[in-house]
Amino acid sequence: MGCGPAVNVDFYGVVQDQSAYIVKASVRNLATGEIVSYYLRPVIKDFISIGHGMCSGAFALEKGKNFSVVFTLMDASGNTANWTGKAISFTAPAISG
């Protein structure tokens, strides 16, 4: 028996830092107000994937539910850059199966 389908929403943003960095993603379920935060390491420069794989992951995105996300960057020296804009709203993708 498999674990289930992977569900991800991808985000792209230009990071102007030459050192390695991690991204703290804080995802809010807009129906419940629950916030889940997790530190992610970009696999591809300036690209973050929010969600979960087939068997595990940081964010349980239920199909069709509405969420918002804000990001905080931390470079290799521990310097942080907090989110200054509005949260980005998104809807978890509907998946077959």
PDB file of N, CA and C in Angstrom:
ATOM      1  N   MET A   1       0.847  -1.171   0.000  1.00  0.00           N
ATOM      2  CA  MET A   1       0.000   0.000   0.000  1.00  0.00           C
ATOM      3  C   MET A   1       0.893   1.234   0.000  1.00  0.00           C
ATOM      4  N   GLY A   2       0.590   2.196  -0.852  1.00  0.00           N
ATOM      5  CA  GLY A   2       1.360   3.426  -0.929  1.00  0.00           C
ATOM      6  C   GLY A   2       0.941   4.417   0.140  1.00  0.00           C
ATOM      7  N   CYS A   3       1.665   5.500   0.226  1.00  0.00           N
ATOM      8  CA  CYS A   3       1.387   6.517   1.246  1.00  0.00           C
ATOM      9  C   CYS A   3       0.363   7.540   0.782  1.00  0.00           C
ATOM     10  N   GLY A   4       0.299   7.798  -0.502  1.00  0.00           N
ATOM     11  CA  GLY A   4      -0.617   8.810  -1.016  1.00  0.00           C
ATOM     12  C   GLY A   4       0.107   9.758  -1.944  1.00  0.00           C
ATOM     13  N   PRO A   5      -0.632  10.641  -2.578  1.00  0.00           N
ATOM     14  CA  PRO A   5      -0.026  11.542  -3.553  1.00  0.00           C
ATOM     15  C   PRO A   5       0.736  12.692  -2.889  1.00  0.00           C
ATOM     16  N   ALA A   6       1.755  13.146  -3.566  1.00  0.00           N
ATOM     17  CA  ALA A   6       2.486  14.335  -3.134  1.00  0.00           C
ATOM     18  C   ALA A   6       1.677  15.564  -3.527  1.00  0.00           C
ATOM     19  N   VAL A   7       1.708  16.583  -2.691  1.00  0.00           N
ATOM     20  CA  VAL A   7       1.016  17.839  -2.979  1.00  0.00           C
ATOM     21  C   VAL A   7       1.982  18.976  -2.674  1.00  0.00           C
ATOM     22  N   ASN A   8       2.264  19.803  -3.672  1.00  0.00           N
ATOM     23  CA  ASN A   8       3.191  20.918  -3.499  1.00  0.00           C
ATOM     24  C   ASN A   8       2.711  22.139  -4.255  1.00  0.00           C
ATOM     25  N   VAL A   9       3.047  23.298  -3.723  1.00  0.00           N
ATOM     26  CA  VAL A   9       2.869  24.569  -4.413  1.00  0.00           C
ATOM     27  C   VAL A   9       4.256  25.192  -4.456  1.00  0.00           C
ATOM     28  N   ASP A  10       4.682  25.607  -5.638  1.00  0.00           N
ATOM     29  CA  ASP A  10       6.037  26.111  -5.834  1.00  0.00           C
ATOM     30  C   ASP A  10       6.058  27.632  -5.861  1.00  0.00           C
ATOM     31  N   PHE A  11       7.104  28.209  -5.258  1.00  0.00           N
ATOM     32  CA  PHE A  11       7.280  29.654  -5.203  1.00  0.00           C
ATOM     33  C   PHE A  11       8.680  29.996  -5.690  1.00  0.00           C
ATOM     34  N   TYR A  12       8.785  31.107  -6.401  1.00  0.00           N
ATOM     35  CA  TYR A  12      10.060  31.572  -6.932  1.00  0.00           C
ATOM     36  C   TYR A  12      10.248  33.026  -6.527  1.00  0.00           C
ATOM     37  N   GLY A  13      11.424  33.355  -6.051  1.00  0.00           N
ATOM     38  CA  GLY A  13      11.760  34.735  -5.721  1.00  0.00           C
ATOM     39  C   GLY A  13      13.261  34.905  -5.771  1.00  0.00           C
ATOM     40  N   VAL A  14      13.710  36.042  -6.215  1.00  0.00           N
ATOM     41  CA  VAL A  14      15.140  36.299  -6.347  1.00  0.00           C
ATOM     42  C   VAL A  14      15.725  36.643  -4.979  1.00  0.00           C
ATOM     43  N   VAL A  15      16.759  35.916  -4.585  1.00  0.00           N
ATOM     44  CA  VAL A  15      17.467  36.163  -3.330  1.00  0.00           C
ATOM     45  C   VAL A  15      18.819  36.768  -3.681  1.00  0.00           C
ATOM     46  N   GLN A  16      19.083  37.962  -3.163  1.00  0.00           N
ATOM     47  CA  GLN A  16      20.326  38.654  -3.488  1.00  0.00           C
ATOM     48  C   GLN A  16      21.339  38.457  -2.366  1.00  0.00           C
ATOM     49  N   ASP A  17      21.834  37.243  -2.260  1.00  0.00           N
ATOM     50  CA  ASP A  17      22.852  36.889  -1.268  1.00  0.00           C
ATOM     51  C   ASP A  17      23.735  35.826  -1.903  1.00  0.00           C
ATOM     52  N   GLN A  18      25.030  36.002  -1.791  1.00  0.00           N
ATOM     53  CA  GLN A  18      25.954  35.063  -2.418  1.00  0.00           C
ATOM     54  C   GLN A  18      26.211  33.827  -1.563  1.00  0.00           C
ATOM     55  N   SER A  19      25.886  33.894  -0.272  1.00  0.00           N
ATOM     56  CA  SER A  19      26.130  32.751   0.607  1.00  0.00           C
ATOM     57  C   SER A  19      24.941  31.793   0.580  1.00  0.00           C
ATOM     58  N   ALA A  20      25.150  30.634   1.164  1.00  0.00           N
ATOM     59  CA  ALA A  20      24.052  29.674   1.292  1.00  0.00           C
ATOM     60  C   ALA A  20      22.988  30.265   2.213  1.00  0.00           C
ATOM     61  N   TYR A  21      21.748  29.871   2.030  1.00  0.00           N
ATOM     62  CA  TYR A  21      20.674  30.381   2.871  1.00  0.00           C
ATOM     63  C   TYR A  21      19.599  29.314   3.053  1.00  0.00           C
ATOM     64  N   ILE A  22      18.806  29.504   4.097  1.00  0.00           N
ATOM     65  CA  ILE A  22      17.624  28.679   4.307  1.00  0.00           C
ATOM     66  C   ILE A  22      16.417  29.608   4.376  1.00  0.00           C
ATOM     67  N   VAL A  23      15.253  29.027   4.192  1.00  0.00           N
ATOM     68  CA  VAL A  23      14.018  29.807   4.163  1.00  0.00           C
ATOM     69  C   VAL A  23      13.058  29.258   5.211  1.00  0.00           C
ATOM     70  N   LYS A  24      12.590  30.135   6.081  1.00  0.00           N
ATOM     71  CA  LYS A  24      11.529  29.754   7.016  1.00  0.00           C
ATOM     72  C   LYS A  24      10.203  30.090   6.339  1.00  0.00           C
ATOM     73  N   ALA A  25       9.415  29.076   6.096  1.00  0.00           N
ATOM     74  CA  ALA A  25       8.094  29.269   5.501  1.00  0.00           C
ATOM     75  C   ALA A  25       7.059  29.128   6.610  1.00  0.00           C
ATOM     76  N   SER A  26       6.205  30.121   6.751  1.00  0.00           N
ATOM     77  CA  SER A  26       5.116  30.079   7.729  1.00  0.00           C
ATOM     78  C   SER A  26       3.806  30.051   6.958  1.00  0.00           C
ATOM     79  N   VAL A  27       3.141  28.901   7.007  1.00  0.00           N
ATOM     80  CA  VAL A  27       1.917  28.671   6.233  1.00  0.00           C
ATOM     81  C   VAL A  27       0.721  28.720   7.174  1.00  0.00           C
ATOM     82  N   ARG A  28      -0.265  29.549   6.826  1.00  0.00           N
ATOM     83  CA  ARG A  28      -1.489  29.697   7.623  1.00  0.00           C
ATOM     84  C   ARG A  28      -2.662  29.068   6.884  1.00  0.00           C
ATOM     85  N   ASN A  29      -3.391  28.206   7.584  1.00  0.00           N
ATOM     86  CA  ASN A  29      -4.653  27.680   7.068  1.00  0.00           C
ATOM     87  C   ASN A  29      -5.674  28.791   7.274  1.00  0.00           C
ATOM     88  N   LEU A  30      -6.232  29.331   6.203  1.00  0.00           N
ATOM     89  CA  LEU A  30      -7.116  30.483   6.318  1.00  0.00           C
ATOM     90  C   LEU A  30      -8.457  30.143   6.954  1.00  0.00           C
ATOM     91  N   ALA A  31      -8.849  28.874   6.959  1.00  0.00           N
ATOM     92  CA  ALA A  31     -10.113  28.472   7.586  1.00  0.00           C
ATOM     93  C   ALA A  31      -9.971  28.347   9.102  1.00  0.00           C
ATOM     94  N   THR A  32      -8.839  27.818   9.562  1.00  0.00           N
ATOM     95  CA  THR A  32      -8.663  27.548  10.995  1.00  0.00           C
ATOM     96  C   THR A  32      -7.760  28.554  11.697  1.00  0.00           C
ATOM     97  N   GLY A  33      -6.937  29.277  10.925  1.00  0.00           N
ATOM     98  CA  GLY A  33      -5.973  30.199  11.511  1.00  0.00           C
ATOM     99  C   GLY A  33      -4.697  29.528  11.978  1.00  0.00           C
ATOM    100  N   GLU A  34      -4.634  28.196  11.895  1.00  0.00           N
ATOM    101  CA  GLU A  34      -3.446  27.457  12.332  1.00  0.00           C
ATOM    102  C   GLU A  34      -2.249  27.827  11.460  1.00  0.00           C
ATOM    103  N   ILE A  35      -1.103  28.071  12.110  1.00  0.00           N
ATOM    104  CA  ILE A  35       0.134  28.394  11.399  1.00  0.00           C
ATOM    105  C   ILE A  35       1.145  27.287  11.649  1.00  0.00           C
ATOM    106  N   VAL A  36       1.747  26.796  10.565  1.00  0.00           N
ATOM    107  CA  VAL A  36       2.822  25.814  10.646  1.00  0.00           C
ATOM    108  C   VAL A  36       4.057  26.443  10.006  1.00  0.00           C
ATOM    109  N   SER A  37       5.169  26.430  10.729  1.00  0.00           N
ATOM    110  CA  SER A  37       6.423  26.985  10.214  1.00  0.00           C
ATOM    111  C   SER A  37       7.455  25.878  10.108  1.00  0.00           C
ATOM    112  N   TYR A  38       8.289  25.984   9.079  1.00  0.00           N
ATOM    113  CA  TYR A  38       9.310  24.973   8.843  1.00  0.00           C
ATOM    114  C   TYR A  38      10.450  25.625   8.075  1.00  0.00           C
ATOM    115  N   TYR A  39      11.675  25.226   8.377  1.00  0.00           N
ATOM    116  CA  TYR A  39      12.839  25.733   7.653  1.00  0.00           C
ATOM    117  C   TYR A  39      13.126  24.829   6.463  1.00  0.00           C
ATOM    118  N   LEU A  40      13.280  25.445   5.306  1.00  0.00           N
ATOM    119  CA  LEU A  40      13.512  24.720   4.060  1.00  0.00           C
ATOM    120  C   LEU A  40      14.826  25.161   3.442  1.00  0.00           C
ATOM    121  N   ARG A  41      15.481  24.238   2.791  1.00  0.00           N
ATOM    122  CA  ARG A  41      16.705  24.536   2.047  1.00  0.00           C
ATOM    123  C   ARG A  41      16.366  24.446   0.568  1.00  0.00           C
ATOM    124  N   PRO A  42      16.551  25.539  -0.164  1.00  0.00           N
ATOM    125  CA  PRO A  42      16.248  25.481  -1.595  1.00  0.00           C
ATOM    126  C   PRO A  42      17.130  24.451  -2.301  1.00  0.00           C
ATOM    127  N   VAL A  43      16.510  23.568  -3.059  1.00  0.00           N
ATOM    128  CA  VAL A  43      17.256  22.598  -3.855  1.00  0.00           C
ATOM    129  C   VAL A  43      17.723  23.272  -5.140  1.00  0.00           C
ATOM    130  N   ILE A  44      16.893  24.151  -5.659  1.00  0.00           N
ATOM    131  CA  ILE A  44      17.217  24.972  -6.823  1.00  0.00           C
ATOM    132  C   ILE A  44      17.238  26.419  -6.349  1.00  0.00           C
ATOM    133  N   LYS A  45      18.234  27.203  -6.759  1.00  0.00           N
ATOM    134  CA  LYS A  45      18.371  28.587  -6.303  1.00  0.00           C
ATOM    135  C   LYS A  45      17.084  29.377  -6.524  1.00  0.00           C
ATOM    136  N   ASP A  46      16.676  30.093  -5.473  1.00  0.00           N
ATOM    137  CA  ASP A  46      15.515  30.992  -5.500  1.00  0.00           C
ATOM    138  C   ASP A  46      14.178  30.270  -5.663  1.00  0.00           C
ATOM    139  N   PHE A  47      14.129  28.973  -5.410  1.00  0.00           N
ATOM    140  CA  PHE A  47      12.932  28.167  -5.646  1.00  0.00           C
ATOM    141  C   PHE A  47      12.593  27.370  -4.389  1.00  0.00           C
ATOM    142  N   ILE A  48      11.364  27.521  -3.888  1.00  0.00           N
ATOM    143  CA  ILE A  48      10.906  26.810  -2.687  1.00  0.00           C
ATOM    144  C   ILE A  48       9.622  26.071  -3.018  1.00  0.00           C
ATOM    145  N   SER A  49       9.529  24.853  -2.546  1.00  0.00           N
ATOM    146  CA  SER A  49       8.333  24.037  -2.735  1.00  0.00           C
ATOM    147  C   SER A  49       7.678  23.820  -1.373  1.00  0.00           C
ATOM    148  N   ILE A  50       6.410  24.226  -1.254  1.00  0.00           N
ATOM    149  CA  ILE A  50       5.644  24.096  -0.015  1.00  0.00           C
ATOM    150  C   ILE A  50       4.694  22.917  -0.175  1.00  0.00           C
ATOM    151  N   GLY A  51       4.674  22.007   0.789  1.00  0.00           N
ATOM    152  CA  GLY A  51       3.747  20.876   0.731  1.00  0.00           C
ATOM    153  C   GLY A  51       4.335  19.653   1.384  1.00  0.00           C
ATOM    154  N   HIS A  52       4.064  18.491   0.762  1.00  0.00           N
ATOM    155  CA  HIS A  52       4.570  17.231   1.303  1.00  0.00           C
ATOM    156  C   HIS A  52       4.762  16.227   0.180  1.00  0.00           C
ATOM    157  N   GLY A  53       5.676  15.296   0.414  1.00  0.00           N
ATOM    158  CA  GLY A  53       5.916  14.216  -0.534  1.00  0.00           C
ATOM    159  C   GLY A  53       4.882  13.123  -0.369  1.00  0.00           C
ATOM    160  N   MET A  54       5.131  11.962  -0.965  1.00  0.00           N
ATOM    161  CA  MET A  54       4.159  10.870  -0.914  1.00  0.00           C
ATOM    162  C   MET A  54       3.933  10.347   0.501  1.00  0.00           C
ATOM    163  N   CYS A  55       4.963  10.364   1.345  1.00  0.00           N
ATOM    164  CA  CYS A  55       4.826   9.757   2.679  1.00  0.00           C
ATOM    165  C   CYS A  55       5.045  10.728   3.833  1.00  0.00           C
ATOM    166  N   SER A  56       5.642  11.874   3.576  1.00  0.00           N
ATOM    167  CA  SER A  56       5.882  12.816   4.666  1.00  0.00           C
ATOM    168  C   SER A  56       6.175  14.201   4.111  1.00  0.00           C
ATOM    169  N   GLY A  57       6.187  15.164   4.999  1.00  0.00           N
ATOM    170  CA  GLY A  57       6.505  16.525   4.614  1.00  0.00           C
ATOM    171  C   GLY A  57       6.066  17.507   5.678  1.00  0.00           C
ATOM    172  N   ALA A  58       6.521  18.729   5.535  1.00  0.00           N
ATOM    173  CA  ALA A  58       6.283  19.745   6.557  1.00  0.00           C
ATOM    174  C   ALA A  58       4.858  20.280   6.561  1.00  0.00           C
ATOM    175  N   PHE A  59       4.229  20.351   5.395  1.00  0.00           N
ATOM    176  CA  PHE A  59       2.952  21.045   5.295  1.00  0.00           C
ATOM    177  C   PHE A  59       1.873  20.128   4.729  1.00  0.00           C
ATOM    178  N   ALA A  60       0.831  19.903   5.505  1.00  0.00           N
ATOM    179  CA  ALA A  60      -0.305  19.084   5.064  1.00  0.00           C
ATOM    180  C   ALA A  60      -1.298  19.996   4.351  1.00  0.00           C
ATOM    181  N   LEU A  61      -1.230  20.011   3.045  1.00  0.00           N
ATOM    182  CA  LEU A  61      -2.115  20.860   2.248  1.00  0.00           C
ATOM    183  C   LEU A  61      -3.294  20.033   1.761  1.00  0.00           C
ATOM    184  N   GLU A  62      -4.469  20.274   2.323  1.00  0.00           N
ATOM    185  CA  GLU A  62      -5.663  19.558   1.893  1.00  0.00           C
ATOM    186  C   GLU A  62      -6.181  20.188   0.610  1.00  0.00           C
ATOM    187  N   LYS A  63      -6.511  19.335  -0.366  1.00  0.00           N
ATOM    188  CA  LYS A  63      -6.910  19.851  -1.675  1.00  0.00           C
ATOM    189  C   LYS A  63      -8.087  20.810  -1.556  1.00  0.00           C
ATOM    190  N   GLY A  64      -7.973  21.899  -2.299  1.00  0.00           N
ATOM    191  CA  GLY A  64      -9.019  22.901  -2.360  1.00  0.00           C
ATOM    192  C   GLY A  64      -9.074  23.859  -1.183  1.00  0.00           C
ATOM    193  N   LYS A  65      -8.267  23.637  -0.141  1.00  0.00           N
ATOM    194  CA  LYS A  65      -8.268  24.524   1.028  1.00  0.00           C
ATOM    195  C   LYS A  65      -7.405  25.751   0.735  1.00  0.00           C
ATOM    196  N   ASN A  66      -7.741  26.863   1.383  1.00  0.00           N
ATOM    197  CA  ASN A  66      -7.033  28.123   1.171  1.00  0.00           C
ATOM    198  C   ASN A  66      -6.000  28.360   2.266  1.00  0.00           C
ATOM    199  N   PHE A  67      -4.839  28.835   1.841  1.00  0.00           N
ATOM    200  CA  PHE A  67      -3.717  29.074   2.729  1.00  0.00           C
ATOM    201  C   PHE A  67      -3.060  30.404   2.375  1.00  0.00           C
ATOM    202  N   SER A  68      -2.179  30.862   3.260  1.00  0.00           N
ATOM    203  CA  SER A  68      -1.286  31.972   2.940  1.00  0.00           C
ATOM    204  C   SER A  68       0.094  31.609   3.467  1.00  0.00           C
ATOM    205  N   VAL A  69       1.109  32.251   2.916  1.00  0.00           N
ATOM    206  CA  VAL A  69       2.488  31.958   3.321  1.00  0.00           C
ATOM    207  C   VAL A  69       3.292  33.249   3.368  1.00  0.00           C
ATOM    208  N   VAL A  70       4.198  33.323   4.333  1.00  0.00           N
ATOM    209  CA  VAL A  70       5.225  34.363   4.378  1.00  0.00           C
ATOM    210  C   VAL A  70       6.567  33.658   4.559  1.00  0.00           C
ATOM    211  N   PHE A  71       7.622  34.308   4.099  1.00  0.00           N
ATOM    212  CA  PHE A  71       8.954  33.716   4.136  1.00  0.00           C
ATOM    213  C   PHE A  71       9.917  34.602   4.924  1.00  0.00           C
ATOM    214  N   THR A  72      10.842  33.986   5.639  1.00  0.00           N
ATOM    215  CA  THR A  72      11.950  34.671   6.289  1.00  0.00           C
ATOM    216  C   THR A  72      13.224  33.983   5.820  1.00  0.00           C
ATOM    217  N   LEU A  73      14.187  34.769   5.372  1.00  0.00           N
ATOM    218  CA  LEU A  73      15.452  34.212   4.888  1.00  0.00           C
ATOM    219  C   LEU A  73      16.513  34.299   5.976  1.00  0.00           C
ATOM    220  N   MET A  74      17.382  33.295   6.031  1.00  0.00           N
ATOM    221  CA  MET A  74      18.532  33.326   6.927  1.00  0.00           C
ATOM    222  C   MET A  74      19.759  32.892   6.140  1.00  0.00           C
ATOM    223  N   ASP A  75      20.782  33.763   6.116  1.00  0.00           N
ATOM    224  CA  ASP A  75      21.987  33.419   5.366  1.00  0.00           C
ATOM    225  C   ASP A  75      22.957  32.625   6.235  1.00  0.00           C
ATOM    226  N   ALA A  76      24.092  32.263   5.654  1.00  0.00           N
ATOM    227  CA  ALA A  76      25.068  31.405   6.326  1.00  0.00           C
ATOM    228  C   ALA A  76      25.671  32.055   7.569  1.00  0.00           C
ATOM    229  N   SER A  77      25.596  33.382   7.676  1.00  0.00           N
ATOM    230  CA  SER A  77      26.116  34.090   8.849  1.00  0.00           C
ATOM    231  C   SER A  77      25.065  34.262   9.941  1.00  0.00           C
ATOM    232  N   GLY A  78      23.844  33.811   9.682  1.00  0.00           N
ATOM    233  CA  GLY A  78      22.767  33.944  10.659  1.00  0.00           C
ATOM    234  C   GLY A  78      21.964  35.223  10.535  1.00  0.00           C
ATOM    235  N   ASN A  79      22.259  36.029   9.515  1.00  0.00           N
ATOM    236  CA  ASN A  79      21.487  37.248   9.277  1.00  0.00           C
ATOM    237  C   ASN A  79      20.120  36.881   8.717  1.00  0.00           C
ATOM    238  N   THR A  80      19.074  37.551   9.196  1.00  0.00           N
ATOM    239  CA  THR A  80      17.731  37.251   8.708  1.00  0.00           C
ATOM    240  C   THR A  80      17.145  38.439   7.964  1.00  0.00           C
ATOM    241  N   ALA A  81      16.276  38.138   7.040  1.00  0.00           N
ATOM    242  CA  ALA A  81      15.505  39.147   6.311  1.00  0.00           C
ATOM    243  C   ALA A  81      14.043  38.750   6.448  1.00  0.00           C
ATOM    244  N   ASN A  82      13.296  39.545   7.212  1.00  0.00           N
ATOM    245  CA  ASN A  82      11.889  39.246   7.444  1.00  0.00           C
ATOM    246  C   ASN A  82      11.024  39.690   6.276  1.00  0.00           C
ATOM    247  N   TRP A  83       9.909  39.029   6.129  1.00  0.00           N
ATOM    248  CA  TRP A  83       8.924  39.340   5.102  1.00  0.00           C
ATOM    249  C   TRP A  83       8.368  40.732   5.362  1.00  0.00           C
ATOM    250  N   THR A  84       8.278  41.575   4.331  1.00  0.00           N
ATOM    251  CA  THR A  84       7.768  42.932   4.515  1.00  0.00           C
ATOM    252  C   THR A  84       6.461  43.180   3.772  1.00  0.00           C
ATOM    253  N   GLY A  85       6.105  42.293   2.877  1.00  0.00           N
ATOM    254  CA  GLY A  85       4.876  42.485   2.105  1.00  0.00           C
ATOM    255  C   GLY A  85       3.705  41.736   2.704  1.00  0.00           C
ATOM    256  N   LYS A  86       2.619  41.723   1.958  1.00  0.00           N
ATOM    257  CA  LYS A  86       1.442  40.960   2.364  1.00  0.00           C
ATOM    258  C   LYS A  86       1.729  39.471   2.201  1.00  0.00           C
ATOM    259  N   ALA A  87       1.037  38.664   2.989  1.00  0.00           N
ATOM    260  CA  ALA A  87       1.147  37.212   2.835  1.00  0.00           C
ATOM    261  C   ALA A  87       0.651  36.818   1.443  1.00  0.00           C
ATOM    262  N   ILE A  88       1.234  35.783   0.883  1.00  0.00           N
ATOM    263  CA  ILE A  88       0.827  35.275  -0.429  1.00  0.00           C
ATOM    264  C   ILE A  88      -0.263  34.232  -0.216  1.00  0.00           C
ATOM    265  N   SER A  89      -1.424  34.469  -0.788  1.00  0.00           N
ATOM    266  CA  SER A  89      -2.533  33.519  -0.672  1.00  0.00           C
ATOM    267  C   SER A  89      -2.462  32.490  -1.786  1.00  0.00           C
ATOM    268  N   PHE A  90      -2.848  31.252  -1.468  1.00  0.00           N
ATOM    269  CA  PHE A  90      -2.905  30.205  -2.482  1.00  0.00           C
ATOM    270  C   PHE A  90      -3.915  29.149  -2.070  1.00  0.00           C
ATOM    271  N   THR A  91      -4.348  28.380  -3.039  1.00  0.00           N
ATOM    272  CA  THR A  91      -5.259  27.265  -2.807  1.00  0.00           C
ATOM    273  C   THR A  91      -4.505  25.983  -3.098  1.00  0.00           C
ATOM    274  N   ALA A  92      -4.601  25.017  -2.189  1.00  0.00           N
ATOM    275  CA  ALA A  92      -3.937  23.731  -2.416  1.00  0.00           C
ATOM    276  C   ALA A  92      -4.518  23.098  -3.667  1.00  0.00           C
ATOM    277  N   PRO A  93      -3.668  22.551  -4.525  1.00  0.00           N
ATOM    278  CA  PRO A  93      -4.158  21.981  -5.781  1.00  0.00           C
ATOM    279  C   PRO A  93      -5.047  20.762  -5.559  1.00  0.00           C
ATOM    280  N   ALA A  94      -6.045  20.640  -6.414  1.00  0.00           N
ATOM    281  CA  ALA A  94      -6.880  19.434  -6.418  1.00  0.00           C
ATOM    282  C   ALA A  94      -6.100  18.356  -7.154  1.00  0.00           C
ATOM    283  N   ILE A  95      -6.025  17.192  -6.575  1.00  0.00           N
ATOM    284  CA  ILE A  95      -5.268  16.102  -7.181  1.00  0.00           C
ATOM    285  C   ILE A  95      -6.184  14.917  -7.386  1.00  0.00           C
ATOM    286  N   SER A  96      -5.925  14.155  -8.412  1.00  0.00           N
ATOM    287  CA  SER A  96      -6.756  12.981  -8.666  1.00  0.00           C
ATOM    288  C   SER A  96      -6.296  11.835  -7.794  1.00  0.00           C
ATOM    289  N   GLY A  97      -7.200  10.918  -7.516  1.00  0.00           N
ATOM    290  CA  GLY A  97      -6.839   9.744  -6.737  1.00  0.00           C
ATOM    291  C   GLY A  97      -7.555   9.772  -5.482  1.00  0.00           C
TER     292      GLY A  97
END
